[in-house]
mmCIF file of all heavy atoms, coordinates in Angstrom:
data_MODEL
# 
_entry.id   MODEL 
# 
loop_
_atom_site.group_PDB 
_atom_site.id 
_atom_site.type_symbol 
_atom_site.label_atom_id 
_atom_site.label_alt_id 
_atom_site.label_comp_id 
_atom_site.label_asym_id 
_atom_site.label_entity_id 
_atom_site.label_seq_id 
_atom_site.pdbx_PDB_ins_code 
_atom_site.Cartn_x 
_atom_site.Cartn_y 
_atom_site.Cartn_z 
_atom_site.occupancy 
_atom_site.B_iso_or_equiv 
_atom_site.pdbx_formal_charge 
_atom_site.auth_seq_id 
_atom_site.auth_comp_id 
_atom_site.auth_asym_id 
_atom_site.auth_atom_id 
_atom_site.pdbx_PDB_model_num 
ATOM 1   N N   . GLY A 1 1  ? 7.830   -6.938  -6.676  1.00 0.00 ? 1  GLY A N   1 
ATOM 2   C CA  . GLY A 1 1  ? 7.408   -8.246  -6.182  1.00 0.00 ? 1  GLY A CA  1 
ATOM 3   C C   . GLY A 1 1  ? 6.731   -8.232  -4.833  1.00 0.00 ? 1  GLY A C   1 
ATOM 4   O O   . GLY A 1 1  ? 6.300   -9.292  -4.342  1.00 0.00 ? 1  GLY A O   1 
ATOM 5   N N   . CYS A 1 2  ? 6.593   -7.067  -4.208  1.00 0.00 ? 2  CYS A N   1 
ATOM 6   C CA  . CYS A 1 2  ? 5.936   -7.011  -2.894  1.00 0.00 ? 2  CYS A CA  1 
ATOM 7   C C   . CYS A 1 2  ? 4.450   -7.332  -3.027  1.00 0.00 ? 2  CYS A C   1 
ATOM 8   O O   . CYS A 1 2  ? 3.767   -6.826  -3.919  1.00 0.00 ? 2  CYS A O   1 
ATOM 9   C CB  . CYS A 1 2  ? 6.112   -5.639  -2.261  1.00 0.00 ? 2  CYS A CB  1 
ATOM 10  S SG  . CYS A 1 2  ? 7.739   -5.371  -1.518  1.00 0.00 ? 2  CYS A SG  1 
ATOM 11  N N   . MET A 1 3  ? 3.969   -8.169  -2.140  1.00 0.00 ? 3  MET A N   1 
ATOM 12  C CA  . MET A 1 3  ? 2.560   -8.558  -2.089  1.00 0.00 ? 3  MET A CA  1 
ATOM 13  C C   . MET A 1 3  ? 1.974   -8.008  -0.796  1.00 0.00 ? 3  MET A C   1 
ATOM 14  O O   . MET A 1 3  ? 2.415   -8.377  0.300   1.00 0.00 ? 3  MET A O   1 
ATOM 15  C CB  . MET A 1 3  ? 2.452   -10.079 -2.120  1.00 0.00 ? 3  MET A CB  1 
ATOM 16  C CG  . MET A 1 3  ? 1.060   -10.595 -2.307  1.00 0.00 ? 3  MET A CG  1 
ATOM 17  S SD  . MET A 1 3  ? 0.513   -10.449 -4.014  1.00 0.00 ? 3  MET A SD  1 
ATOM 18  C CE  . MET A 1 3  ? -1.262  -10.512 -3.798  1.00 0.00 ? 3  MET A CE  1 
ATOM 19  N N   . ILE A 1 4  ? 0.982   -7.123  -0.917  1.00 0.00 ? 4  ILE A N   1 
ATOM 20  C CA  . ILE A 1 4  ? 0.428   -6.437  0.251   1.00 0.00 ? 4  ILE A CA  1 
ATOM 21  C C   . ILE A 1 4  ? -1.045  -6.795  0.370   1.00 0.00 ? 4  ILE A C   1 
ATOM 22  O O   . ILE A 1 4  ? -1.851  -6.472  -0.514  1.00 0.00 ? 4  ILE A O   1 
ATOM 23  C CB  . ILE A 1 4  ? 0.604   -4.915  0.117   1.00 0.00 ? 4  ILE A CB  1 
ATOM 24  C CG1 . ILE A 1 4  ? 2.075   -4.570  -0.085  1.00 0.00 ? 4  ILE A CG1 1 
ATOM 25  C CG2 . ILE A 1 4  ? 0.048   -4.192  1.341   1.00 0.00 ? 4  ILE A CG2 1 
ATOM 26  C CD1 . ILE A 1 4  ? 2.311   -3.261  -0.787  1.00 0.00 ? 4  ILE A CD1 1 
ATOM 27  N N   . TYR A 1 5  ? -1.392  -7.489  1.460   1.00 0.00 ? 5  TYR A N   1 
ATOM 28  C CA  . TYR A 1 5  ? -2.782  -7.870  1.716   1.00 0.00 ? 5  TYR A CA  1 
ATOM 29  C C   . TYR A 1 5  ? -3.364  -6.941  2.776   1.00 0.00 ? 5  TYR A C   1 
ATOM 30  O O   . TYR A 1 5  ? -2.702  -6.619  3.769   1.00 0.00 ? 5  TYR A O   1 
ATOM 31  C CB  . TYR A 1 5  ? -2.862  -9.308  2.215   1.00 0.00 ? 5  TYR A CB  1 
ATOM 32  C CG  . TYR A 1 5  ? -2.437  -10.333 1.203   1.00 0.00 ? 5  TYR A CG  1 
ATOM 33  C CD1 . TYR A 1 5  ? -1.187  -10.937 1.274   1.00 0.00 ? 5  TYR A CD1 1 
ATOM 34  C CD2 . TYR A 1 5  ? -3.286  -10.717 0.164   1.00 0.00 ? 5  TYR A CD2 1 
ATOM 35  C CE1 . TYR A 1 5  ? -0.785  -11.889 0.348   1.00 0.00 ? 5  TYR A CE1 1 
ATOM 36  C CE2 . TYR A 1 5  ? -2.898  -11.669 -0.760  1.00 0.00 ? 5  TYR A CE2 1 
ATOM 37  C CZ  . TYR A 1 5  ? -1.650  -12.247 -0.664  1.00 0.00 ? 5  TYR A CZ  1 
ATOM 38  O OH  . TYR A 1 5  ? -1.265  -13.196 -1.588  1.00 0.00 ? 5  TYR A OH  1 
ATOM 39  N N   . LEU A 1 6  ? -4.610  -6.525  2.576   1.00 0.00 ? 6  LEU A N   1 
ATOM 40  C CA  . LEU A 1 6  ? -5.274  -5.671  3.552   1.00 0.00 ? 6  LEU A CA  1 
ATOM 41  C C   . LEU A 1 6  ? -6.436  -6.404  4.198   1.00 0.00 ? 6  LEU A C   1 
ATOM 42  O O   . LEU A 1 6  ? -7.268  -7.007  3.518   1.00 0.00 ? 6  LEU A O   1 
ATOM 43  C CB  . LEU A 1 6  ? -5.768  -4.382  2.888   1.00 0.00 ? 6  LEU A CB  1 
ATOM 44  C CG  . LEU A 1 6  ? -4.633  -3.416  2.555   1.00 0.00 ? 6  LEU A CG  1 
ATOM 45  C CD1 . LEU A 1 6  ? -4.187  -3.579  1.111   1.00 0.00 ? 6  LEU A CD1 1 
ATOM 46  C CD2 . LEU A 1 6  ? -5.018  -1.986  2.830   1.00 0.00 ? 6  LEU A CD2 1 
ATOM 47  N N   . ALA A 1 7  ? -6.459  -6.361  5.526   1.00 0.00 ? 7  ALA A N   1 
ATOM 48  C CA  . ALA A 1 7  ? -7.515  -6.989  6.311   1.00 0.00 ? 7  ALA A CA  1 
ATOM 49  C C   . ALA A 1 7  ? -8.271  -5.906  7.080   1.00 0.00 ? 7  ALA A C   1 
ATOM 50  O O   . ALA A 1 7  ? -7.834  -4.764  7.159   1.00 0.00 ? 7  ALA A O   1 
ATOM 51  C CB  . ALA A 1 7  ? -6.914  -8.013  7.269   1.00 0.00 ? 7  ALA A CB  1 
ATOM 52  N N   . GLY A 1 8  ? -9.388  -6.277  7.659   1.00 0.00 ? 8  GLY A N   1 
ATOM 53  C CA  . GLY A 1 8  ? -10.187 -5.300  8.392   1.00 0.00 ? 8  GLY A CA  1 
ATOM 54  C C   . GLY A 1 8  ? -11.103 -4.537  7.452   1.00 0.00 ? 8  GLY A C   1 
ATOM 55  O O   . GLY A 1 8  ? -10.809 -4.357  6.276   1.00 0.00 ? 8  GLY A O   1 
ATOM 56  N N   . LYS A 1 9  ? -12.229 -4.082  7.982   1.00 0.00 ? 9  LYS A N   1 
ATOM 57  C CA  . LYS A 1 9  ? -13.211 -3.383  7.156   1.00 0.00 ? 9  LYS A CA  1 
ATOM 58  C C   . LYS A 1 9  ? -12.765 -1.954  6.871   1.00 0.00 ? 9  LYS A C   1 
ATOM 59  O O   . LYS A 1 9  ? -12.392 -1.218  7.782   1.00 0.00 ? 9  LYS A O   1 
ATOM 60  C CB  . LYS A 1 9  ? -14.569 -3.363  7.850   1.00 0.00 ? 9  LYS A CB  1 
ATOM 61  C CG  . LYS A 1 9  ? -15.214 -4.745  7.959   1.00 0.00 ? 9  LYS A CG  1 
ATOM 62  C CD  . LYS A 1 9  ? -16.587 -4.660  8.582   1.00 0.00 ? 9  LYS A CD  1 
ATOM 63  C CE  . LYS A 1 9  ? -17.248 -6.029  8.643   1.00 0.00 ? 9  LYS A CE  1 
ATOM 64  N NZ  . LYS A 1 9  ? -18.585 -5.963  9.267   1.00 0.00 ? 9  LYS A NZ  1 
ATOM 65  N N   . TYR A 1 10 ? -12.797 -1.590  5.596   1.00 0.00 ? 10 TYR A N   1 
ATOM 66  C CA  . TYR A 1 10 ? -12.514 -0.227  5.161   1.00 0.00 ? 10 TYR A CA  1 
ATOM 67  C C   . TYR A 1 10 ? -11.133 0.273   5.585   1.00 0.00 ? 10 TYR A C   1 
ATOM 68  O O   . TYR A 1 10 ? -10.953 1.441   5.924   1.00 0.00 ? 10 TYR A O   1 
ATOM 69  C CB  . TYR A 1 10 ? -13.615 0.737   5.658   1.00 0.00 ? 10 TYR A CB  1 
ATOM 70  C CG  . TYR A 1 10 ? -15.003 0.257   5.342   1.00 0.00 ? 10 TYR A CG  1 
ATOM 71  C CD1 . TYR A 1 10 ? -15.918 -0.017  6.348   1.00 0.00 ? 10 TYR A CD1 1 
ATOM 72  C CD2 . TYR A 1 10 ? -15.373 0.019   4.017   1.00 0.00 ? 10 TYR A CD2 1 
ATOM 73  C CE1 . TYR A 1 10 ? -17.191 -0.491  6.044   1.00 0.00 ? 10 TYR A CE1 1 
ATOM 74  C CE2 . TYR A 1 10 ? -16.648 -0.445  3.709   1.00 0.00 ? 10 TYR A CE2 1 
ATOM 75  C CZ  . TYR A 1 10 ? -17.547 -0.707  4.735   1.00 0.00 ? 10 TYR A CZ  1 
ATOM 76  O OH  . TYR A 1 10 ? -18.795 -1.172  4.434   1.00 0.00 ? 10 TYR A OH  1 
ATOM 77  N N   . THR A 1 11 ? -10.178 -0.617  5.583   1.00 0.00 ? 11 THR A N   1 
ATOM 78  C CA  . THR A 1 11 ? -8.805  -0.244  5.930   1.00 0.00 ? 11 THR A CA  1 
ATOM 79  C C   . THR A 1 11 ? -8.275  0.793   4.952   1.00 0.00 ? 11 THR A C   1 
ATOM 80  O O   . THR A 1 11 ? -8.465  0.694   3.737   1.00 0.00 ? 11 THR A O   1 
ATOM 81  C CB  . THR A 1 11 ? -7.900  -1.487  5.923   1.00 0.00 ? 11 THR A CB  1 
ATOM 82  O OG1 . THR A 1 11 ? -8.344  -2.377  6.953   1.00 0.00 ? 11 THR A OG1 1 
ATOM 83  C CG2 . THR A 1 11 ? -6.447  -1.120  6.181   1.00 0.00 ? 11 THR A CG2 1 
ATOM 84  N N   . THR A 1 12 ? -7.587  1.806   5.493   1.00 0.00 ? 12 THR A N   1 
ATOM 85  C CA  . THR A 1 12 ? -7.061  2.907   4.695   1.00 0.00 ? 12 THR A CA  1 
ATOM 86  C C   . THR A 1 12 ? -5.579  3.109   4.988   1.00 0.00 ? 12 THR A C   1 
ATOM 87  O O   . THR A 1 12 ? -5.157  3.035   6.142   1.00 0.00 ? 12 THR A O   1 
ATOM 88  C CB  . THR A 1 12 ? -7.819  4.212   5.007   1.00 0.00 ? 12 THR A CB  1 
ATOM 89  O OG1 . THR A 1 12 ? -9.197  4.052   4.654   1.00 0.00 ? 12 THR A OG1 1 
ATOM 90  C CG2 . THR A 1 12 ? -7.251  5.388   4.239   1.00 0.00 ? 12 THR A CG2 1 
ATOM 91  N N   . ILE A 1 13 ? -4.804  3.360   3.940   1.00 0.00 ? 13 ILE A N   1 
ATOM 92  C CA  . ILE A 1 13 ? -3.417  3.803   4.088   1.00 0.00 ? 13 ILE A CA  1 
ATOM 93  C C   . ILE A 1 13 ? -3.429  5.305   3.838   1.00 0.00 ? 13 ILE A C   1 
ATOM 94  O O   . ILE A 1 13 ? -3.647  5.755   2.710   1.00 0.00 ? 13 ILE A O   1 
ATOM 95  C CB  . ILE A 1 13 ? -2.490  3.100   3.084   1.00 0.00 ? 13 ILE A CB  1 
ATOM 96  C CG1 . ILE A 1 13 ? -2.545  1.580   3.269   1.00 0.00 ? 13 ILE A CG1 1 
ATOM 97  C CG2 . ILE A 1 13 ? -1.050  3.610   3.244   1.00 0.00 ? 13 ILE A CG2 1 
ATOM 98  C CD1 . ILE A 1 13 ? -1.788  0.804   2.189   1.00 0.00 ? 13 ILE A CD1 1 
ATOM 99  N N   . THR A 1 14 ? -3.236  6.104   4.883   1.00 0.00 ? 14 THR A N   1 
ATOM 100 C CA  . THR A 1 14 ? -3.264  7.563   4.774   1.00 0.00 ? 14 THR A CA  1 
ATOM 101 C C   . THR A 1 14 ? -1.845  8.094   4.741   1.00 0.00 ? 14 THR A C   1 
ATOM 102 O O   . THR A 1 14 ? -1.040  7.791   5.623   1.00 0.00 ? 14 THR A O   1 
ATOM 103 C CB  . THR A 1 14 ? -4.041  8.177   5.948   1.00 0.00 ? 14 THR A CB  1 
ATOM 104 O OG1 . THR A 1 14 ? -5.368  7.644   5.971   1.00 0.00 ? 14 THR A OG1 1 
ATOM 105 C CG2 . THR A 1 14 ? -4.119  9.693   5.811   1.00 0.00 ? 14 THR A CG2 1 
ATOM 106 N N   . VAL A 1 15 ? -1.557  8.889   3.719   1.00 0.00 ? 15 VAL A N   1 
ATOM 107 C CA  . VAL A 1 15 ? -0.186  9.340   3.476   1.00 0.00 ? 15 VAL A CA  1 
ATOM 108 C C   . VAL A 1 15 ? -0.096  10.853  3.658   1.00 0.00 ? 15 VAL A C   1 
ATOM 109 O O   . VAL A 1 15 ? -0.580  11.625  2.823   1.00 0.00 ? 15 VAL A O   1 
ATOM 110 C CB  . VAL A 1 15 ? 0.272   8.950   2.058   1.00 0.00 ? 15 VAL A CB  1 
ATOM 111 C CG1 . VAL A 1 15 ? 1.731   9.343   1.850   1.00 0.00 ? 15 VAL A CG1 1 
ATOM 112 C CG2 . VAL A 1 15 ? 0.071   7.458   1.813   1.00 0.00 ? 15 VAL A CG2 1 
ATOM 113 N N   . PHE A 1 16 ? 0.556   11.270  4.754   1.00 0.00 ? 16 PHE A N   1 
ATOM 114 C CA  . PHE A 1 16 ? 0.869   12.684  4.963   1.00 0.00 ? 16 PHE A CA  1 
ATOM 115 C C   . PHE A 1 16 ? 2.311   12.979  4.551   1.00 0.00 ? 16 PHE A C   1 
ATOM 116 O O   . PHE A 1 16 ? 2.687   14.140  4.426   1.00 0.00 ? 16 PHE A O   1 
ATOM 117 C CB  . PHE A 1 16 ? 0.649   13.064  6.426   1.00 0.00 ? 16 PHE A CB  1 
ATOM 118 C CG  . PHE A 1 16 ? -0.786  12.969  6.857   1.00 0.00 ? 16 PHE A CG  1 
ATOM 119 C CD1 . PHE A 1 16 ? -1.192  11.990  7.752   1.00 0.00 ? 16 PHE A CD1 1 
ATOM 120 C CD2 . PHE A 1 16 ? -1.736  13.858  6.369   1.00 0.00 ? 16 PHE A CD2 1 
ATOM 121 C CE1 . PHE A 1 16 ? -2.514  11.901  8.155   1.00 0.00 ? 16 PHE A CE1 1 
ATOM 122 C CE2 . PHE A 1 16 ? -3.061  13.773  6.757   1.00 0.00 ? 16 PHE A CE2 1 
ATOM 123 C CZ  . PHE A 1 16 ? -3.459  12.795  7.652   1.00 0.00 ? 16 PHE A CZ  1 
ATOM 124 N N   . GLY A 1 17 ? 3.083   11.919  4.359   1.00 0.00 ? 17 GLY A N   1 
ATOM 125 C CA  . GLY A 1 17 ? 4.455   12.045  3.884   1.00 0.00 ? 17 GLY A CA  1 
ATOM 126 C C   . GLY A 1 17 ? 4.517   11.675  2.411   1.00 0.00 ? 17 GLY A C   1 
ATOM 127 O O   . GLY A 1 17 ? 4.000   12.387  1.558   1.00 0.00 ? 17 GLY A O   1 
ATOM 128 N N   . ARG A 1 18 ? 5.109   10.500  2.145   1.00 0.00 ? 18 ARG A N   1 
ATOM 129 C CA  . ARG A 1 18 ? 5.249   10.063  0.753   1.00 0.00 ? 18 ARG A CA  1 
ATOM 130 C C   . ARG A 1 18 ? 5.190   8.542   0.704   1.00 0.00 ? 18 ARG A C   1 
ATOM 131 O O   . ARG A 1 18 ? 5.742   7.862   1.577   1.00 0.00 ? 18 ARG A O   1 
ATOM 132 C CB  . ARG A 1 18 ? 6.598   10.558  0.213   1.00 0.00 ? 18 ARG A CB  1 
ATOM 133 C CG  . ARG A 1 18 ? 6.836   10.317  -1.267  1.00 0.00 ? 18 ARG A CG  1 
ATOM 134 C CD  . ARG A 1 18 ? 8.050   11.125  -1.737  1.00 0.00 ? 18 ARG A CD  1 
ATOM 135 N NE  . ARG A 1 18 ? 8.259   10.981  -3.178  1.00 0.00 ? 18 ARG A NE  1 
ATOM 136 C CZ  . ARG A 1 18 ? 9.203   10.217  -3.721  1.00 0.00 ? 18 ARG A CZ  1 
ATOM 137 N NH1 . ARG A 1 18 ? 10.063  9.555   -2.954  1.00 0.00 ? 18 ARG A NH1 1 
ATOM 138 N NH2 . ARG A 1 18 ? 9.318   10.132  -5.041  1.00 0.00 ? 18 ARG A NH2 1 
ATOM 139 N N   . ILE A 1 19 ? 4.516   8.007   -0.299  1.00 0.00 ? 19 ILE A N   1 
ATOM 140 C CA  . ILE A 1 19 ? 4.514   6.561   -0.508  1.00 0.00 ? 19 ILE A CA  1 
ATOM 141 C C   . ILE A 1 19 ? 5.038   6.280   -1.912  1.00 0.00 ? 19 ILE A C   1 
ATOM 142 O O   . ILE A 1 19 ? 4.692   6.972   -2.871  1.00 0.00 ? 19 ILE A O   1 
ATOM 143 C CB  . ILE A 1 19 ? 3.108   5.955   -0.300  1.00 0.00 ? 19 ILE A CB  1 
ATOM 144 C CG1 . ILE A 1 19 ? 3.163   4.421   -0.324  1.00 0.00 ? 19 ILE A CG1 1 
ATOM 145 C CG2 . ILE A 1 19 ? 2.095   6.483   -1.311  1.00 0.00 ? 19 ILE A CG2 1 
ATOM 146 C CD1 . ILE A 1 19 ? 1.904   3.754   0.173   1.00 0.00 ? 19 ILE A CD1 1 
ATOM 147 N N   . VAL A 1 20 ? 5.915   5.285   -1.992  1.00 0.00 ? 20 VAL A N   1 
ATOM 148 C CA  . VAL A 1 20 ? 6.496   4.882   -3.274  1.00 0.00 ? 20 VAL A CA  1 
ATOM 149 C C   . VAL A 1 20 ? 6.287   3.382   -3.429  1.00 0.00 ? 20 VAL A C   1 
ATOM 150 O O   . VAL A 1 20 ? 6.772   2.588   -2.620  1.00 0.00 ? 20 VAL A O   1 
ATOM 151 C CB  . VAL A 1 20 ? 8.006   5.210   -3.346  1.00 0.00 ? 20 VAL A CB  1 
ATOM 152 C CG1 . VAL A 1 20 ? 8.604   4.699   -4.658  1.00 0.00 ? 20 VAL A CG1 1 
ATOM 153 C CG2 . VAL A 1 20 ? 8.233   6.711   -3.212  1.00 0.00 ? 20 VAL A CG2 1 
ATOM 154 N N   . MET A 1 21 ? 5.531   2.994   -4.448  1.00 0.00 ? 21 MET A N   1 
ATOM 155 C CA  . MET A 1 21 ? 5.321   1.584   -4.763  1.00 0.00 ? 21 MET A CA  1 
ATOM 156 C C   . MET A 1 21 ? 5.783   1.375   -6.196  1.00 0.00 ? 21 MET A C   1 
ATOM 157 O O   . MET A 1 21 ? 5.098   1.776   -7.137  1.00 0.00 ? 21 MET A O   1 
ATOM 158 C CB  . MET A 1 21 ? 3.850   1.209   -4.602  1.00 0.00 ? 21 MET A CB  1 
ATOM 159 C CG  . MET A 1 21 ? 3.339   1.266   -3.178  1.00 0.00 ? 21 MET A CG  1 
ATOM 160 S SD  . MET A 1 21 ? 1.611   0.715   -3.049  1.00 0.00 ? 21 MET A SD  1 
ATOM 161 C CE  . MET A 1 21 ? 1.430   0.562   -1.277  1.00 0.00 ? 21 MET A CE  1 
ATOM 162 N N   . LYS A 1 22 ? 6.954   0.786   -6.347  1.00 0.00 ? 22 LYS A N   1 
ATOM 163 C CA  . LYS A 1 22 ? 7.539   0.636   -7.676  1.00 0.00 ? 22 LYS A CA  1 
ATOM 164 C C   . LYS A 1 22 ? 7.888   -0.817  -7.941  1.00 0.00 ? 22 LYS A C   1 
ATOM 165 O O   . LYS A 1 22 ? 8.797   -1.378  -7.332  1.00 0.00 ? 22 LYS A O   1 
ATOM 166 C CB  . LYS A 1 22 ? 8.801   1.499   -7.805  1.00 0.00 ? 22 LYS A CB  1 
ATOM 167 C CG  . LYS A 1 22 ? 8.510   2.957   -8.066  1.00 0.00 ? 22 LYS A CG  1 
ATOM 168 C CD  . LYS A 1 22 ? 9.780   3.704   -8.488  1.00 0.00 ? 22 LYS A CD  1 
ATOM 169 C CE  . LYS A 1 22 ? 9.467   5.116   -8.923  1.00 0.00 ? 22 LYS A CE  1 
ATOM 170 N NZ  . LYS A 1 22 ? 10.668  5.826   -9.425  1.00 0.00 ? 22 LYS A NZ  1 
ATOM 171 N N   . GLY A 1 23 ? 7.136   -1.423  -8.863  1.00 0.00 ? 23 GLY A N   1 
ATOM 172 C CA  . GLY A 1 23 ? 7.457   -2.760  -9.320  1.00 0.00 ? 23 GLY A CA  1 
ATOM 173 C C   . GLY A 1 23 ? 8.187   -2.710  -10.639 1.00 0.00 ? 23 GLY A C   1 
ATOM 174 O O   . GLY A 1 23 ? 8.709   -1.672  -11.052 1.00 0.00 ? 23 GLY A O   1 
ATOM 175 N N   . THR A 1 24 ? 8.215   -3.841  -11.308 1.00 0.00 ? 24 THR A N   1 
ATOM 176 C CA  . THR A 1 24 ? 8.790   -3.932  -12.648 1.00 0.00 ? 24 THR A CA  1 
ATOM 177 C C   . THR A 1 24 ? 7.787   -4.649  -13.541 1.00 0.00 ? 24 THR A C   1 
ATOM 178 O O   . THR A 1 24 ? 6.751   -5.138  -13.072 1.00 0.00 ? 24 THR A O   1 
ATOM 179 C CB  . THR A 1 24 ? 10.121  -4.711  -12.639 1.00 0.00 ? 24 THR A CB  1 
ATOM 180 O OG1 . THR A 1 24 ? 9.864   -6.071  -12.241 1.00 0.00 ? 24 THR A OG1 1 
ATOM 181 C CG2 . THR A 1 24 ? 11.117  -4.085  -11.680 1.00 0.00 ? 24 THR A CG2 1 
ATOM 182 N N   . GLN A 1 25 ? 8.101   -4.757  -14.820 1.00 0.00 ? 25 GLN A N   1 
ATOM 183 C CA  . GLN A 1 25 ? 7.194   -5.441  -15.750 1.00 0.00 ? 25 GLN A CA  1 
ATOM 184 C C   . GLN A 1 25 ? 6.990   -6.896  -15.353 1.00 0.00 ? 25 GLN A C   1 
ATOM 185 O O   . GLN A 1 25 ? 5.902   -7.445  -15.500 1.00 0.00 ? 25 GLN A O   1 
ATOM 186 C CB  . GLN A 1 25 ? 7.754   -5.358  -17.167 1.00 0.00 ? 25 GLN A CB  1 
ATOM 187 C CG  . GLN A 1 25 ? 6.802   -5.906  -18.228 1.00 0.00 ? 25 GLN A CG  1 
ATOM 188 C CD  . GLN A 1 25 ? 7.298   -5.660  -19.640 1.00 0.00 ? 25 GLN A CD  1 
ATOM 189 O OE1 . GLN A 1 25 ? 8.357   -5.079  -19.835 1.00 0.00 ? 25 GLN A OE1 1 
ATOM 190 N NE2 . GLN A 1 25 ? 6.545   -6.108  -20.627 1.00 0.00 ? 25 GLN A NE2 1 
# 
């Protein structure tokens, strides 16, 4: 259910560790 909005031009999420995005049906 998380809602993530990105602002700014060419915004990047850079992951050197780990990212987990897990929703449900």
